[in-house]
Amino acid sequence: MLSLYNSLTKSKKMFKPINGSKVSMYTCGPTVYDHVHIGNLRSFITADLLQRVLRSVEGYDVDWILNITDVDDKMISKIKKNNPDEEPMQALGKMADTYTDMFISDIESVGIRRADIKKLPRATDHINSMQELIKRLLREKIAYISEGSVYFSLDAYKKTGKEYGVLVNLDYDPQQRVVDDQDQKNGVGDFALWKARKDDEPSWDFIWIDKNYPGRPGWHIECSAMSTEYLGNIFDIHTGGIDLKFPHHENEIAQCGGQQAKFFIHNEFLNVEGEKMSKSLGNVTTLNDMSDPLAFRLQVLQAHYRSHMDFSVDSLYAAKERLNNLRSYADSMTLAWPGQIPEQDNSGLTKKFLSEFEEALSDDLNTPAALASLNILEGKVYSQETLAALKVVEGILGIGLVDNRDLTSEERALITDYDNTRELKEYVKSDKIRKELIDKYSLSVSDTQFGPLVSRVRD
């Protein structure tokens, strides 16, 4: 039974879906104005791991929604700078298309299967849903209009008896609040639901009581509208980085009437050499800087999602080396001849491993313990049962562990020659064949009780 740390209750709780065997899950996606950096990718890898555990370990069906923010201040600032002569809506759409495609490519390269995401809704396709939600808040007098913009009134919301600050402890000190980019608010804690049009910005019509208030949505309303449109209110799980707890997720909950998701799952920051990743510090890293993005995925999984993760070139190299060692171990069984290794593991270690592996993941996604349990098997146990267990691991962790490519006829013939020369104790010939296997075919051969077992040599 899966237990998860719930940011709403600030405690670890057993997870049970609202709707029987189906889990509804929403992840705050990227703002598509640039390449996604690896700090953001940690959030998406965490969400992907969670949905894989829900499917493969717990046996649930998962409706996973991951949104695309394709209109916000950063995007508008960039099109003003880079496309000053282009019609704003067209420039916004082109930028969103470009970076959305890049985002999908990036998440696939770190093992997130596009097919596992039920929908990737774009904010600009859901303007009507956002406006309906804003109108409801206006009718409830929790929102108000000021100089063409619509704001959420924190004071009016609190007067209904609902709590603001369910995810974080707030003292309502105005100095601690995030100040909106417009200054027509009644209260310093209020936030924009709809921003009045500026001449050089994309905008949409918004009709309220026979008057048009052209403009664009605020950031927070986007996720409230999209999550509830596809998953309802209340749904099972909302995920995101810890930096989204406040104000983004706090505001989402308020906009949804005080409840939105049953569980909020937040991953901690990724630091670079001890510092938070930030463009101002010049330490932003993208997947373009990596030769094996799945090694980065393993590096992410080596830290518990609720722990700070420190990224460095050395730690990435160590993760890549660890991953290649695990891949070589899996190779030795996938590339074995039929009947070369036993079907069953009579030692019981494979069953012991699977039990510990899944038990660790069911304990709030304890990936460090799950990965450590591989030491029970690695280099000690070789069987078809063990290979099947590693395929289970791959299905859950998604690190490219099992390579199902077969050997070519030339490669198999050379390995047979190697085995024959070893049997005849013609070691000079066998050493020459071993070298050819490495140099020409990037294959390493090991002499074992089962005969020569082969693995691929990786950079």
Protein backbone atom coordinates (compact mmCIF):
# COMPACT_ATOMS: atom_id res chain seq x y z
CA MET A 1 0.00 0.00 0.00
CA LEU A 2 1.46 3.31 -1.11
CA SER A 3 2.11 6.03 1.44
CA LEU A 4 2.89 9.58 0.35
CA TYR A 5 3.86 12.78 2.13
CA ASN A 6 0.92 15.13 1.68
CA SER A 7 1.77 18.83 1.81
CA LEU A 8 -1.82 19.56 2.85
CA THR A 9 -1.59 17.55 6.06
CA LYS A 10 2.20 17.94 6.41
CA SER A 11 2.39 14.23 7.15
CA LYS A 12 2.78 10.89 5.42
CA LYS A 13 -0.56 9.23 4.63
CA MET A 14 -1.73 6.05 2.96
CA PHE A 15 -2.95 6.84 -0.55
CA LYS A 16 -6.34 5.64 -1.72
CA PRO A 17 -7.97 6.98 -4.92
CA ILE A 18 -11.25 8.84 -4.77
CA ASN A 19 -12.64 6.78 -7.63
CA GLY A 20 -11.88 3.10 -7.05
CA SER A 21 -9.00 1.95 -9.24
CA LYS A 22 -8.53 5.17 -11.25
CA VAL A 23 -6.15 7.93 -10.13
CA SER A 24 -6.55 11.53 -11.29
CA MET A 25 -3.26 13.45 -11.27
CA TYR A 26 -2.27 16.95 -12.37
CA THR A 27 1.24 18.33 -12.82
CA CYS A 28 2.08 22.00 -13.29
CA GLY A 29 3.93 22.04 -16.60
CA PRO A 30 6.43 24.42 -18.17
CA THR A 31 6.12 27.99 -19.35
CA VAL A 32 7.23 27.56 -22.94
CA TYR A 33 9.48 30.56 -23.52
CA ASP A 34 12.85 28.76 -23.41
CA HIS A 35 14.47 25.37 -22.97
CA VAL A 36 13.35 23.65 -19.79
CA HIS A 37 16.26 23.46 -17.34
CA ILE A 38 17.16 20.43 -15.26
CA GLY A 39 15.73 21.93 -12.08
CA ASN A 40 12.31 21.90 -13.74
CA LEU A 41 12.95 18.42 -15.12
CA ARG A 42 13.35 17.08 -11.60
CA SER A 43 9.68 17.95 -10.99
CA PHE A 44 8.53 16.14 -14.13
CA ILE A 45 10.70 13.08 -13.41
CA THR A 46 9.21 12.93 -9.89
CA ALA A 47 5.69 13.07 -11.29
CA ASP A 48 6.55 10.43 -13.88
CA LEU A 49 7.98 8.14 -11.22
CA LEU A 50 4.82 8.56 -9.15
CA GLN A 51 2.50 7.66 -12.01
CA ARG A 52 4.68 4.64 -12.88
CA VAL A 53 4.52 3.41 -9.28
CA LEU A 54 0.76 3.96 -9.22
CA ARG A 55 0.41 1.88 -12.39
CA SER A 56 3.06 -0.82 -12.01
CA VAL A 57 3.27 -1.36 -8.25
CA GLU A 58 -0.21 -0.38 -7.07
CA GLY A 59 -2.11 -1.52 -10.17
CA TYR A 60 -4.13 1.66 -10.74
CA ASP A 61 -5.19 3.33 -13.96
CA VAL A 62 -3.84 6.88 -14.07
CA ASP A 63 -5.24 9.93 -15.82
CA TRP A 64 -2.18 12.18 -15.85
CA ILE A 65 -2.63 15.77 -17.01
CA LEU A 66 0.44 17.97 -17.53
CA ASN A 67 -0.33 21.50 -18.67
CA ILE A 68 1.52 23.87 -20.97
CA THR A 69 1.59 27.54 -19.92
CA ASP A 70 1.70 29.33 -23.26
CA VAL A 71 0.81 32.85 -22.13
CA ASP A 72 2.41 34.70 -19.23
CA ASP A 73 4.61 37.71 -18.41
CA LYS A 74 7.89 36.00 -19.37
CA MET A 75 6.60 34.95 -22.77
CA ILE A 76 5.17 38.36 -23.52
CA SER A 77 8.39 40.07 -22.46
CA LYS A 78 10.34 37.82 -24.82
CA ILE A 79 8.15 38.38 -27.87
CA LYS A 80 8.27 42.14 -27.27
CA LYS A 81 12.05 41.94 -27.33
CA ASN A 82 12.52 39.41 -30.14
CA ASN A 83 9.46 40.01 -32.35
CA PRO A 84 8.57 43.70 -31.97
CA ASP A 85 7.16 44.01 -35.50
CA GLU A 86 5.08 40.85 -35.46
CA GLU A 87 1.42 40.66 -34.46
CA PRO A 88 1.55 39.70 -30.74
CA MET A 89 -0.83 36.74 -30.89
CA GLN A 90 1.02 35.20 -33.84
CA ALA A 91 4.40 35.73 -32.19
CA LEU A 92 3.11 34.13 -28.98
CA GLY A 93 1.77 31.11 -30.84
CA LYS A 94 5.00 30.55 -32.77
CA MET A 95 7.10 30.73 -29.62
CA ALA A 96 4.75 28.35 -27.79
CA ASP A 97 4.83 25.82 -30.66
CA THR A 98 8.64 25.89 -30.82
CA TYR A 99 9.31 25.43 -27.14
CA THR A 100 6.46 22.98 -26.57
CA ASP A 101 8.03 20.67 -29.17
CA MET A 102 11.40 21.09 -27.44
CA PHE A 103 9.82 20.31 -24.09
CA ILE A 104 8.23 17.09 -25.35
CA SER A 105 11.57 16.04 -26.84
CA ASP A 106 13.34 16.80 -23.57
CA ILE A 107 10.95 14.86 -21.35
CA GLU A 108 11.06 11.88 -23.69
CA SER A 109 14.87 11.93 -23.55
CA VAL A 110 14.73 11.59 -19.73
CA GLY A 111 12.41 8.60 -19.93
CA ILE A 112 8.99 10.24 -19.67
CA ARG A 113 6.76 8.48 -22.16
CA ARG A 114 4.44 10.85 -23.97
CA ALA A 115 1.83 8.09 -24.13
CA ASP A 116 1.61 8.03 -20.32
CA ILE A 117 0.40 11.64 -20.26
CA LYS A 118 -3.30 11.63 -21.03
CA LYS A 119 -3.39 15.29 -22.03
CA LEU A 120 -0.98 18.19 -22.48
CA PRO A 121 -3.50 21.05 -22.43
CA ARG A 122 -2.35 24.51 -23.48
CA ALA A 123 -3.59 27.50 -21.51
CA THR A 124 -4.64 29.49 -24.56
CA ASP A 125 -7.02 26.69 -25.57
CA HIS A 126 -8.85 27.08 -22.26
CA ILE A 127 -9.53 30.81 -22.05
CA ASN A 128 -13.30 30.18 -21.87
CA SER A 129 -12.89 27.83 -18.90
CA MET A 130 -10.76 30.41 -17.10
CA GLN A 131 -13.31 33.14 -17.77
CA GLU A 132 -16.15 30.99 -16.44
CA LEU A 133 -14.20 30.37 -13.25
CA ILE A 134 -13.45 34.11 -12.91
CA LYS A 135 -17.14 34.95 -13.43
CA ARG A 136 -18.11 32.55 -10.68
CA LEU A 137 -15.66 34.28 -8.31
CA LEU A 138 -17.10 37.65 -9.33
CA ARG A 139 -20.63 36.44 -8.62
CA GLU A 140 -19.48 35.19 -5.21
CA LYS A 141 -17.91 38.64 -4.62
CA ILE A 142 -14.54 37.02 -3.94
CA ALA A 143 -13.21 38.79 -7.04
CA TYR A 144 -13.49 42.41 -8.10
CA ILE A 145 -12.71 44.57 -11.13
CA SER A 146 -10.22 47.42 -10.96
CA GLU A 147 -9.19 49.46 -14.01
CA GLY A 148 -10.04 46.67 -16.41
CA SER A 149 -8.30 43.90 -14.48
CA VAL A 150 -9.94 41.30 -12.24
CA TYR A 151 -8.42 40.48 -8.86
CA PHE A 152 -8.98 37.81 -6.24
CA SER A 153 -9.77 39.41 -2.89
CA LEU A 154 -7.89 37.63 -0.14
CA ASP A 155 -9.82 39.52 2.53
CA ALA A 156 -13.22 38.57 1.05
CA TYR A 157 -12.10 34.94 0.75
CA LYS A 158 -11.00 34.76 4.39
CA LYS A 159 -14.29 36.32 5.50
CA THR A 160 -16.10 33.26 4.11
CA GLY A 161 -14.36 31.25 6.82
CA LYS A 162 -11.98 29.49 4.48
CA GLU A 163 -8.31 29.24 5.33
CA TYR A 164 -5.64 30.74 3.10
CA GLY A 165 -2.29 29.15 3.88
CA VAL A 166 -3.08 25.44 3.95
CA LEU A 167 0.21 24.53 2.28
CA VAL A 168 2.49 27.01 4.04
CA ASN A 169 2.48 28.90 7.31
CA LEU A 170 1.69 32.54 6.55
CA ASP A 171 1.80 35.58 8.80
CA TYR A 172 0.19 37.80 6.13
CA ASP A 173 3.07 40.27 6.40
CA PRO A 174 2.77 42.37 3.22
CA GLN A 175 6.55 42.35 2.88
CA GLN A 176 6.43 38.58 2.46
CA ARG A 177 3.83 38.64 -0.28
CA VAL A 178 4.52 38.38 -3.98
CA VAL A 179 3.61 41.76 -5.45
CA ASP A 180 1.64 41.62 -8.68
CA ASP A 181 2.92 43.37 -11.79
CA GLN A 182 -0.03 45.74 -11.71
CA ASP A 183 -0.84 48.08 -8.84
CA GLN A 184 -4.62 48.56 -8.99
CA LYS A 185 -5.31 45.99 -6.24
CA ASN A 186 -7.36 46.73 -3.13
CA GLY A 187 -5.17 44.57 -0.92
CA VAL A 188 -1.49 43.75 -1.10
CA GLY A 189 -2.29 40.04 -0.82
CA ASP A 190 -4.73 40.11 -3.73
CA PHE A 191 -3.65 38.59 -7.03
CA ALA A 192 -4.62 38.97 -10.67
CA LEU A 193 -7.16 36.65 -12.25
CA TRP A 194 -7.42 38.68 -15.46
CA LYS A 195 -5.00 41.39 -16.61
CA ALA A 196 -6.21 44.38 -18.60
CA ARG A 197 -5.03 44.62 -22.18
CA LYS A 198 -1.95 46.56 -23.17
CA ASP A 199 -1.64 47.69 -26.78
CA ASP A 200 1.44 45.60 -27.57
CA GLU A 201 0.26 42.38 -25.89
CA PRO A 202 -1.91 39.39 -26.92
CA SER A 203 -5.45 39.71 -25.57
CA TRP A 204 -8.87 38.09 -25.53
CA ASP A 205 -12.34 39.57 -25.02
CA PHE A 206 -13.93 39.06 -21.61
CA ILE A 207 -17.60 40.00 -21.34
CA TRP A 208 -19.00 40.63 -17.86
CA ILE A 209 -22.42 42.24 -17.34
CA ASP A 210 -22.59 43.52 -20.92
CA LYS A 211 -19.17 45.12 -20.78
CA ASN A 212 -15.96 43.94 -22.41
CA TYR A 213 -12.74 43.76 -20.39
CA PRO A 214 -10.15 42.67 -22.99
CA GLY A 215 -6.97 41.21 -21.58
CA ARG A 216 -5.28 37.95 -20.69
CA PRO A 217 -5.40 35.45 -17.81
CA GLY A 218 -3.29 35.57 -14.69
CA TRP A 219 -0.93 32.65 -14.18
CA HIS A 220 -2.69 31.00 -11.23
CA ILE A 221 -6.14 30.82 -12.83
CA GLU A 222 -4.77 28.73 -15.69
CA CYS A 223 -4.01 25.64 -13.62
CA SER A 224 -7.21 25.91 -11.55
CA ALA A 225 -9.26 25.92 -14.76
CA MET A 226 -7.40 23.18 -16.61
CA SER A 227 -7.04 20.80 -13.65
CA THR A 228 -10.72 20.91 -12.73
CA GLU A 229 -11.90 20.81 -16.35
CA TYR A 230 -10.18 17.48 -16.94
CA LEU A 231 -10.12 15.92 -13.49
CA GLY A 232 -12.97 17.54 -11.57
CA ASN A 233 -12.91 19.11 -8.15
CA ILE A 234 -11.70 17.43 -6.00
CA PHE A 235 -9.12 15.17 -7.75
CA ASP A 236 -6.50 12.81 -6.32
CA ILE A 237 -2.99 14.25 -6.72
CA HIS A 238 -1.43 17.59 -7.63
CA THR A 239 2.36 17.62 -8.15
CA GLY A 240 4.98 20.30 -8.63
CA GLY A 241 8.21 21.76 -7.31
CA ILE A 242 8.33 23.12 -3.78
CA ASP A 243 8.70 26.63 -5.21
CA LEU A 244 5.08 26.34 -6.46
CA LYS A 245 3.63 25.77 -2.98
CA PHE A 246 3.26 29.49 -2.53
CA PRO A 247 1.80 31.47 -4.09
CA HIS A 248 0.85 29.34 -7.09
CA HIS A 249 -0.68 26.25 -5.49
CA GLU A 250 -2.07 28.23 -2.57
CA ASN A 251 -3.85 30.50 -5.04
CA GLU A 252 -5.07 27.55 -7.10
CA ILE A 253 -6.76 26.08 -4.03
CA ALA A 254 -8.38 29.41 -3.13
CA GLN A 255 -9.67 29.89 -6.69
CA CYS A 256 -11.21 26.41 -6.54
CA GLY A 257 -13.20 27.28 -3.44
CA GLY A 258 -10.84 25.99 -0.78
CA GLN A 259 -10.25 22.51 -2.11
CA GLN A 260 -8.67 21.23 -5.28
CA ALA A 261 -6.71 17.99 -4.80
CA LYS A 262 -6.68 15.38 -2.07
CA PHE A 263 -2.86 15.09 -2.09
CA PHE A 264 -0.27 17.73 -2.93
CA ILE A 265 3.15 16.22 -3.68
CA HIS A 266 6.10 18.64 -3.83
CA ASN A 267 9.69 17.86 -4.73
CA GLU A 268 12.60 19.84 -3.30
CA PHE A 269 14.98 22.13 -5.16
CA LEU A 270 17.84 21.03 -7.35
CA ASN A 271 20.98 22.98 -6.52
CA VAL A 272 24.10 23.40 -8.65
CA GLU A 273 27.31 23.15 -6.65
CA GLY A 274 25.34 24.13 -3.53
CA GLU A 275 23.45 27.06 -5.08
CA LYS A 276 19.89 27.23 -6.38
CA MET A 277 19.76 27.08 -10.18
CA SER A 278 19.08 30.54 -11.53
CA LYS A 279 19.68 32.50 -14.72
CA SER A 280 20.98 35.43 -12.67
CA LEU A 281 23.72 33.18 -11.27
CA GLY A 282 24.53 31.83 -14.72
CA ASN A 283 24.29 28.21 -13.57
CA VAL A 284 21.29 27.04 -15.58
CA THR A 285 21.92 23.62 -17.12
CA THR A 286 19.86 21.99 -19.88
CA LEU A 287 19.86 18.51 -21.40
CA ASN A 288 21.92 19.85 -24.31
CA ASP A 289 24.87 19.75 -21.91
CA MET A 290 24.52 15.99 -21.33
CA SER A 291 25.59 12.98 -23.37
CA ASP A 292 23.17 10.60 -21.61
CA PRO A 293 20.00 12.25 -20.26
CA LEU A 294 18.95 8.97 -18.61
CA ALA A 295 22.02 9.24 -16.39
CA PHE A 296 20.54 12.51 -15.16
CA ARG A 297 17.27 10.69 -14.49
CA LEU A 298 19.17 8.14 -12.41
CA GLN A 299 20.93 10.99 -10.59
CA VAL A 300 17.52 12.46 -9.74
CA LEU A 301 16.28 9.09 -8.46
CA GLN A 302 19.37 8.61 -6.30
CA ALA A 303 18.06 11.42 -4.09
CA HIS A 304 14.70 11.24 -2.32
CA TYR A 305 12.29 13.63 -4.01
CA ARG A 306 11.75 15.54 -0.75
CA SER A 307 15.50 16.06 -0.26
CA HIS A 308 17.64 18.81 -1.75
CA MET A 309 19.59 17.49 -4.71
CA ASP A 310 23.01 18.86 -5.57
CA PHE A 311 23.96 18.63 -9.22
CA SER A 312 27.54 18.67 -10.43
CA VAL A 313 29.46 17.34 -13.40
CA ASP A 314 31.19 14.83 -11.12
CA SER A 315 27.92 13.53 -9.68
CA LEU A 316 26.45 13.22 -13.17
CA TYR A 317 29.52 11.28 -14.31
CA ALA A 318 29.19 8.96 -11.30
CA ALA A 319 25.51 8.37 -12.11
CA LYS A 320 26.39 7.58 -15.72
CA GLU A 321 29.04 5.09 -14.61
CA ARG A 322 26.59 3.46 -12.19
CA LEU A 323 23.94 3.22 -14.88
CA ASN A 324 26.33 1.66 -17.38
CA ASN A 325 27.37 -0.93 -14.80
CA LEU A 326 23.71 -1.84 -14.25
CA ARG A 327 23.14 -1.98 -17.99
CA SER A 328 26.12 -4.32 -18.40
CA TYR A 329 24.67 -6.60 -15.74
CA ALA A 330 21.34 -6.69 -17.58
CA ASP A 331 23.15 -7.25 -20.91
CA SER A 332 24.82 -10.37 -19.57
CA MET A 333 21.37 -11.97 -19.32
CA THR A 334 19.62 -10.45 -22.36
CA LEU A 335 22.52 -11.46 -24.64
CA ALA A 336 22.93 -14.97 -23.22
CA TRP A 337 22.33 -17.95 -25.50
CA PRO A 338 19.01 -19.80 -25.04
CA GLY A 339 19.44 -22.12 -22.09
CA GLN A 340 22.79 -20.61 -21.09
CA ILE A 341 21.49 -19.25 -17.79
CA PRO A 342 18.88 -21.01 -15.60
CA GLU A 343 15.20 -20.17 -15.83
CA GLN A 344 14.68 -19.82 -12.09
CA ASP A 345 16.76 -18.28 -9.33
CA ASN A 346 16.85 -21.05 -6.75
CA SER A 347 18.67 -18.83 -4.25
CA GLY A 348 15.52 -16.77 -3.60
CA LEU A 349 17.50 -13.55 -3.95
CA THR A 350 15.45 -12.31 -6.91
CA LYS A 351 12.21 -12.58 -4.97
CA LYS A 352 13.88 -10.92 -1.97
CA PHE A 353 15.06 -8.07 -4.18
CA LEU A 354 11.66 -7.45 -5.78
CA SER A 355 10.00 -7.39 -2.38
CA GLU A 356 12.48 -4.85 -0.99
CA PHE A 357 12.44 -2.78 -4.18
CA GLU A 358 8.67 -2.39 -4.27
CA GLU A 359 8.44 -1.93 -0.50
CA ALA A 360 10.87 1.00 -0.70
CA LEU A 361 8.91 2.66 -3.51
CA SER A 362 5.64 2.21 -1.62
CA ASP A 363 7.18 4.13 1.28
CA ASP A 364 6.83 7.66 -0.12
CA LEU A 365 8.79 6.84 -3.30
CA ASN A 366 12.01 6.00 -1.46
CA THR A 367 14.14 5.65 -4.58
CA PRO A 368 17.53 5.65 -2.77
CA ALA A 369 16.47 2.52 -0.85
CA ALA A 370 14.95 0.99 -3.99
CA LEU A 371 18.18 1.49 -5.94
CA ALA A 372 20.28 0.19 -3.04
CA SER A 373 18.29 -3.06 -3.11
CA LEU A 374 19.83 -3.83 -6.53
CA ASN A 375 22.99 -4.75 -4.63
CA ILE A 376 21.20 -7.95 -3.62
CA LEU A 377 21.45 -9.14 -7.23
CA GLU A 378 24.09 -7.29 -9.19
CA GLY A 379 26.97 -9.52 -10.19
CA LYS A 380 25.67 -12.37 -8.00
CA VAL A 381 22.56 -13.81 -9.63
CA TYR A 382 22.02 -14.74 -13.30
CA SER A 383 18.71 -16.24 -14.41
CA GLN A 384 15.71 -15.57 -16.63
CA GLU A 385 13.71 -14.84 -13.48
CA THR A 386 16.28 -12.20 -12.54
CA LEU A 387 16.14 -10.67 -16.00
CA ALA A 388 12.35 -10.47 -15.71
CA ALA A 389 12.80 -8.65 -12.39
CA LEU A 390 15.13 -6.13 -14.04
CA LYS A 391 12.47 -5.50 -16.68
CA VAL A 392 10.07 -4.69 -13.85
CA VAL A 393 12.66 -2.25 -12.51
CA GLU A 394 12.98 -0.64 -15.94
CA GLY A 395 9.22 -0.30 -16.23
CA ILE A 396 9.13 1.63 -12.96
CA LEU A 397 12.37 3.62 -12.99
CA GLY A 398 12.61 4.25 -16.74
CA ILE A 399 16.41 4.53 -16.78
CA GLY A 400 17.15 2.54 -19.95
CA LEU A 401 18.35 -0.43 -17.95
CA VAL A 402 17.40 -3.29 -20.31
CA ASP A 403 18.56 -3.16 -23.94
CA ASN A 404 16.59 -5.71 -25.97
CA ARG A 405 18.74 -5.49 -29.11
CA ASP A 406 20.05 -8.90 -30.12
CA LEU A 407 23.57 -9.76 -31.22
CA THR A 408 24.28 -10.04 -34.94
CA SER A 409 25.22 -13.35 -36.52
CA GLU A 410 28.82 -12.09 -36.93
CA GLU A 411 29.02 -11.17 -33.26
CA ARG A 412 27.61 -14.52 -32.14
CA ALA A 413 30.02 -16.40 -34.40
CA LEU A 414 32.97 -14.53 -32.92
CA ILE A 415 31.80 -15.24 -29.36
CA THR A 416 31.47 -18.95 -30.27
CA ASP A 417 35.05 -18.88 -31.59
CA TYR A 418 36.15 -17.24 -28.34
CA ASP A 419 34.46 -19.95 -26.29
CA ASN A 420 36.00 -22.73 -28.40
CA THR A 421 39.53 -21.33 -28.11
CA ARG A 422 39.11 -21.05 -24.33
CA GLU A 423 37.99 -24.68 -24.20
CA LEU A 424 41.09 -25.67 -26.18
CA LYS A 425 43.24 -23.46 -23.92
CA GLU A 426 44.39 -21.46 -26.92
CA TYR A 427 44.61 -18.32 -24.83
CA VAL A 428 46.60 -16.22 -27.29
CA LYS A 429 43.83 -16.70 -29.87
CA SER A 430 41.09 -16.12 -27.31
CA ASP A 431 42.72 -12.88 -26.14
CA LYS A 432 42.92 -11.71 -29.75
CA ILE A 433 39.22 -12.45 -30.25
CA ARG A 434 38.37 -10.69 -26.97
CA LYS A 435 40.19 -7.59 -28.20
CA GLU A 436 38.38 -7.72 -31.56
CA LEU A 437 35.02 -7.94 -29.78
CA ILE A 438 35.84 -4.78 -27.84
CA ASP A 439 37.51 -2.79 -30.61
CA LYS A 440 35.22 -3.67 -33.50
CA TYR A 441 31.89 -4.48 -31.86
CA SER A 442 32.07 -2.70 -28.46
CA LEU A 443 31.32 -5.96 -26.68
CA SER A 444 32.93 -7.12 -23.46
CA VAL A 445 33.05 -10.82 -22.64
CA SER A 446 33.29 -12.29 -19.14
CA ASP A 447 34.14 -15.89 -18.29
CA THR A 448 31.59 -17.30 -15.85
CA GLN A 449 30.28 -20.61 -14.59
CA PHE A 450 27.70 -20.33 -17.40
CA GLY A 451 30.33 -19.80 -20.08
CA PRO A 452 31.08 -16.45 -21.74
CA LEU A 453 28.53 -13.76 -20.87
CA VAL A 454 28.55 -10.62 -23.00
CA SER A 455 27.78 -6.97 -22.32
CA ARG A 456 27.92 -3.82 -24.40
CA VAL A 457 30.74 -1.34 -23.86
CA ARG A 458 29.29 2.16 -23.44
CA ASP A 459 30.94 5.57 -23.37
